[in-house]
Amino acid sequence: MKNNVFGSISGTVNDPKVKQIEIYVSGYNWKWVKVKNGRFEYPFDKPIKRTRSRIIAKTADKKYSTLLVVKEKK
């Protein structure tokens, strides 16, 4: 993260049957992201809006993974 902006959000999915996941960043809407070969990448060039932002990845069968990100102080 540079200047409180993510370049992208990426990760892996353990279930080979998963073809899409939903990504949520605090202050923004849910977005569908395609999974290819167990990996996903979501270009996200928007600034984080809150001091503490949550990133959530969710599969269609409602399995969640969350991450809390703390904004840099200037």
Protein backbone atom coordinates (compact mmCIF):
# COMPACT_ATOMS: atom_id res chain seq x y z
CA MET A 1 0.00 0.00 0.00
CA LYS A 2 1.39 3.37 -0.99
CA ASN A 3 -0.21 6.72 -0.10
CA ASN A 4 -3.14 4.81 1.45
CA VAL A 5 -4.03 3.28 -1.93
CA PHE A 6 -3.97 -0.44 -2.68
CA GLY A 7 -2.51 -1.32 -6.06
CA SER A 8 -4.39 -4.60 -6.12
CA ILE A 9 -5.87 -7.27 -3.88
CA SER A 10 -4.82 -10.83 -4.63
CA GLY A 11 -4.87 -14.24 -3.03
CA THR A 12 -5.44 -17.94 -3.43
CA VAL A 13 -8.48 -20.18 -3.10
CA ASN A 14 -8.02 -23.74 -1.83
CA ASP A 15 -11.17 -25.17 -3.45
CA PRO A 16 -10.56 -25.90 -7.17
CA LYS A 17 -14.31 -25.77 -7.89
CA VAL A 18 -14.52 -22.04 -7.02
CA LYS A 19 -14.63 -19.94 -10.18
CA GLN A 20 -15.65 -16.56 -8.69
CA ILE A 21 -15.42 -14.81 -5.35
CA GLU A 22 -16.78 -11.54 -4.00
CA ILE A 23 -14.40 -8.91 -2.62
CA TYR A 24 -15.45 -6.14 -0.22
CA VAL A 25 -13.38 -3.19 1.01
CA SER A 26 -14.85 -0.96 3.76
CA GLY A 27 -16.58 2.02 2.20
CA TYR A 28 -16.99 0.39 -1.21
CA ASN A 29 -19.40 -2.16 -2.72
CA TRP A 30 -19.00 -5.92 -3.18
CA LYS A 31 -17.34 -6.85 -6.49
CA TRP A 32 -17.23 -10.23 -8.24
CA VAL A 33 -13.73 -11.38 -9.15
CA LYS A 34 -12.85 -14.38 -11.34
CA VAL A 35 -10.62 -17.13 -9.95
CA LYS A 36 -8.18 -18.77 -12.37
CA ASN A 37 -6.10 -21.77 -11.31
CA GLY A 38 -6.91 -21.11 -7.67
CA ARG A 39 -5.69 -17.48 -7.76
CA PHE A 40 -7.49 -14.16 -8.00
CA GLU A 41 -6.33 -10.59 -8.50
CA TYR A 42 -8.51 -7.51 -8.16
CA PRO A 43 -7.06 -4.16 -9.30
CA PHE A 44 -8.02 -1.64 -6.62
CA ASP A 45 -6.58 1.84 -7.11
CA LYS A 46 -8.95 3.71 -4.81
CA PRO A 47 -7.89 5.30 -1.50
CA ILE A 48 -8.99 3.63 1.70
CA LYS A 49 -11.67 5.76 3.36
CA ARG A 50 -11.37 4.82 7.01
CA THR A 51 -8.60 4.60 9.58
CA ARG A 52 -9.27 0.86 9.86
CA SER A 53 -10.59 -0.85 6.75
CA ARG A 54 -11.73 -4.42 6.39
CA ILE A 55 -11.13 -6.52 3.27
CA ILE A 56 -13.45 -9.52 2.92
CA ALA A 57 -13.27 -12.31 0.36
CA LYS A 58 -16.39 -14.50 0.12
CA THR A 59 -17.17 -17.57 -1.97
CA ALA A 60 -20.64 -18.43 -3.29
CA ASP A 61 -21.10 -21.01 -0.51
CA LYS A 62 -20.57 -18.25 2.10
CA LYS A 63 -17.01 -19.09 3.20
CA TYR A 64 -15.34 -15.88 4.36
CA SER A 65 -11.82 -14.63 4.85
CA THR A 66 -11.19 -11.21 6.40
CA LEU A 67 -8.25 -8.87 6.86
CA LEU A 68 -8.10 -5.66 8.87
CA VAL A 69 -5.89 -2.92 7.38
CA VAL A 70 -4.81 0.13 9.38
CA LYS A 71 -4.28 3.40 7.49
CA GLU A 72 -0.85 5.05 7.67
CA LYS A 73 -0.59 8.21 9.75
CA LYS A 74 0.75 11.28 7.99
